[in-house]
Structures are given as structure tokens and as C-alpha cells.
Amino acid sequence: MPTVRRSRTVHAPPEEVWDVVADPSHLPRWWPDVERVEDASGLEWTTVQRSSQGRPVRADFTRVRAERPRLLRWRQEVEETPFEGFLAEADTTIELEPAEGGRATRIELEAREKLRGVSMLGGFMVRRATRRRLDGALDGLSYVFEADGSR
């Protein structure tokens, strides 16, 4: 199962980072390519992104675990969706750890994607794309917390 981990430290306390990462409505601010979030509750939400052809693509997610302010895990619902053709499972974990005496936060993102069928042969391509996506998410969080100090 391709697993990718990426990490970065941002200059904000873990509670502030948690408030952003744990609220799905904030995803357009920091998660790559998310244009908007629909039907967001604390436990489920739908993201809308644009495909490379410019069409909207919806993906449904469910919060699996939350331990404020240090651990968040969500799962992409793939059954009966277009993603089912190449994904068997996909989940993302965010771990937050105090740094610099609690004035900063080390963020680790982990994506695990179990591929389906012939897609299993492209694991290296999936890992590369996933690294770019997680790096983009960390760039987004860095921007949220460091660009101009606004949250």
C-alpha cells in the first residue's frame, strides 16, 4: 500500500493549527485544488475540485479519528464513486506536535492509498503525486500561519 509522509514546522501553537486542520470548511484555504467544501459536518464532508479538463470532481470524506490537538484521521469514501476504479482505500492522517516550547507546531501528514486492479502497477506514480499533494498542503498551511500573520 503506497504510504507517503511529509512534515514541516509552522510558527503557530498546536491549538491554532488544530482549529484549521480539524474544520473541513477550512480545506480550500490550505488543501491543494479544493475549491469548496459542501455538506460539512464534524464527521463528514464533500470537497469539490477541478479535474485537469476543468470539470468539477466531488470526493466524500469521513472523519475516522480525532484526538484534539494532536491527531486527526479521515478516510475518502471510494465505494460507488469514480475513484473506486483505481482506489480500494485512501486515508489521511495529520499529527501535530508542539515545537519551540509550544510556540510552533510540527505537522506530519501521512497518506495511505491502497490501489485496486491494474492501478497497483503504478504505485510509484501514485507516491509521486501524493508527495506533491502533501507538500502542497503543507505549503498551504505555512501560508495560512506565516504569510501575513492572519488566521
Protein backbone atom coordinates (compact mmCIF):
# COMPACT_ATOMS: atom_id res chain seq x y z
CA MET A 1 0.00 0.00 0.00
CA PRO A 2 1.69 3.24 -1.07
CA THR A 3 2.28 5.38 2.02
CA VAL A 4 3.74 8.87 1.90
CA ARG A 5 4.77 11.01 4.87
CA ARG A 6 5.73 14.66 4.75
CA SER A 7 6.34 17.11 7.60
CA ARG A 8 7.01 20.74 8.32
CA THR A 9 7.06 23.12 11.26
CA VAL A 10 4.84 26.20 11.25
CA HIS A 11 5.02 29.13 13.65
CA ALA A 12 1.69 28.73 15.42
CA PRO A 13 0.74 26.77 18.56
CA PRO A 14 -0.87 23.34 18.09
CA GLU A 15 -4.32 24.55 19.21
CA GLU A 16 -4.39 27.18 16.44
CA VAL A 17 -3.23 24.68 13.84
CA TRP A 18 -5.84 22.20 15.08
CA ASP A 19 -8.61 24.76 14.64
CA VAL A 20 -7.73 24.99 10.95
CA VAL A 21 -6.97 21.35 10.08
CA ALA A 22 -9.88 19.86 12.05
CA ASP A 23 -12.53 22.06 10.43
CA PRO A 24 -13.33 20.82 6.89
CA SER A 25 -14.64 24.26 5.91
CA HIS A 26 -11.02 25.50 6.01
CA LEU A 27 -9.78 22.98 3.42
CA PRO A 28 -10.00 25.44 0.48
CA ARG A 29 -7.51 27.66 2.37
CA TRP A 30 -4.80 25.03 2.53
CA TRP A 31 -5.52 21.71 0.77
CA PRO A 32 -4.38 21.73 -2.89
CA ASP A 33 -7.03 22.22 -5.56
CA VAL A 34 -10.03 22.22 -3.20
CA GLU A 35 -12.38 24.92 -4.47
CA ARG A 36 -15.08 24.43 -1.87
CA VAL A 37 -16.48 22.10 0.75
CA GLU A 38 -20.11 21.03 0.76
CA ASP A 39 -22.32 19.36 3.35
CA ALA A 40 -19.66 19.68 6.04
CA SER A 41 -20.43 18.35 9.47
CA GLY A 42 -17.90 17.49 12.10
CA LEU A 43 -17.73 13.94 10.80
CA GLU A 44 -18.42 14.03 7.04
CA TRP A 45 -17.87 16.40 4.14
CA THR A 46 -17.58 16.63 0.37
CA THR A 47 -14.81 18.50 -1.42
CA VAL A 48 -15.17 19.95 -4.90
CA GLN A 49 -12.05 20.18 -7.05
CA ARG A 50 -11.45 20.77 -10.76
CA SER A 51 -10.19 17.99 -13.00
CA SER A 52 -7.41 18.68 -15.47
CA GLN A 53 -10.20 19.03 -18.06
CA GLY A 54 -11.90 21.70 -15.94
CA ARG A 55 -14.81 19.59 -14.74
CA PRO A 56 -15.87 19.60 -11.08
CA VAL A 57 -14.90 16.46 -9.20
CA ARG A 58 -16.53 15.63 -5.87
CA ALA A 59 -14.96 13.45 -3.22
CA ASP A 60 -16.59 12.36 0.03
CA PHE A 61 -14.69 12.04 3.30
CA THR A 62 -15.39 10.71 6.78
CA ARG A 63 -13.52 11.60 9.95
CA VAL A 64 -12.24 8.36 11.44
CA ARG A 65 -10.35 9.60 14.49
CA ALA A 66 -9.75 12.88 16.28
CA GLU A 67 -7.63 13.49 19.37
CA ARG A 68 -7.52 17.23 19.92
CA PRO A 69 -4.99 18.82 19.38
CA ARG A 70 -2.63 16.12 18.17
CA LEU A 71 -4.18 13.57 15.79
CA LEU A 72 -6.73 13.67 13.01
CA ARG A 73 -7.53 10.92 10.51
CA TRP A 74 -10.02 10.92 7.68
CA ARG A 75 -10.98 8.40 5.03
CA GLN A 76 -12.04 9.04 1.46
CA GLU A 77 -15.19 7.14 0.62
CA VAL A 78 -14.41 5.34 -2.62
CA GLU A 79 -17.19 2.76 -2.98
CA GLU A 80 -19.66 3.57 -5.74
CA THR A 81 -17.62 6.60 -6.87
CA PRO A 82 -15.38 7.17 -9.89
CA PHE A 83 -12.39 6.63 -7.55
CA GLU A 84 -13.44 3.02 -6.99
CA GLY A 85 -11.86 2.05 -10.30
CA PHE A 86 -8.33 2.61 -9.03
CA LEU A 87 -8.56 3.02 -5.23
CA ALA A 88 -9.53 0.34 -2.74
CA GLU A 89 -8.82 2.58 0.28
CA ALA A 90 -7.47 6.06 0.94
CA ASP A 91 -6.88 7.72 4.26
CA THR A 92 -5.01 10.74 5.51
CA THR A 93 -3.55 11.28 8.96
CA ILE A 94 -2.42 14.59 10.44
CA GLU A 95 -0.24 14.58 13.53
CA LEU A 96 0.53 17.78 15.40
CA GLU A 97 3.41 18.04 17.83
CA PRO A 98 4.44 21.11 19.86
CA ALA A 99 7.76 22.63 18.84
CA GLU A 100 9.83 25.56 20.06
CA GLY A 101 8.34 25.40 23.53
CA GLY A 102 4.77 25.28 22.22
CA ARG A 103 5.09 28.44 20.09
CA ALA A 104 5.30 26.36 16.91
CA THR A 105 3.88 23.08 15.63
CA ARG A 106 5.49 20.23 13.76
CA ILE A 107 2.90 18.91 11.30
CA GLU A 108 3.22 15.45 9.83
CA LEU A 109 0.89 14.40 7.04
CA GLU A 110 0.57 10.77 6.07
CA ALA A 111 -1.42 9.47 3.11
CA ARG A 112 -2.07 5.77 2.66
CA GLU A 113 -3.67 4.67 -0.57
CA LYS A 114 -4.42 1.06 -1.37
CA LEU A 115 -4.65 0.71 -5.11
CA ARG A 116 -7.05 -1.54 -6.98
CA GLY A 117 -6.57 -3.70 -10.07
CA VAL A 118 -4.10 -2.69 -12.73
CA SER A 119 -3.55 0.60 -10.87
CA MET A 120 -1.39 -1.36 -8.45
CA LEU A 121 1.33 -1.33 -11.10
CA GLY A 122 1.54 2.46 -10.90
CA GLY A 123 2.43 2.70 -7.21
CA PHE A 124 5.50 4.84 -7.88
CA MET A 125 3.41 7.36 -9.84
CA VAL A 126 0.79 7.46 -7.09
CA ARG A 127 3.51 8.07 -4.47
CA ARG A 128 4.97 10.91 -6.53
CA ALA A 129 1.55 12.56 -6.99
CA THR A 130 0.77 12.05 -3.31
CA ARG A 131 4.08 13.67 -2.29
CA ARG A 132 3.18 16.70 -4.41
CA ARG A 133 -0.29 16.86 -2.86
CA LEU A 134 1.01 16.63 0.73
CA ASP A 135 3.76 19.17 0.02
CA GLY A 136 1.09 21.46 -1.40
CA ALA A 137 -1.00 21.01 1.75
CA LEU A 138 2.00 21.88 3.92
CA ASP A 139 2.70 24.91 1.71
CA GLY A 140 -0.92 25.95 2.22
CA LEU A 141 -0.69 25.60 5.99
CA SER A 142 2.59 27.53 6.01
CA TYR A 143 0.87 30.30 4.09
CA VAL A 144 -2.13 30.34 6.45
CA PHE A 145 0.08 30.69 9.51
CA GLU A 146 3.08 32.61 8.25
CA ALA A 147 2.28 34.75 5.22
CA ASP A 148 0.92 37.78 6.98
CA GLY A 149 0.17 36.50 10.45
CA SER A 150 -3.59 36.34 9.82
CA ARG A 151 -5.58 33.24 10.54
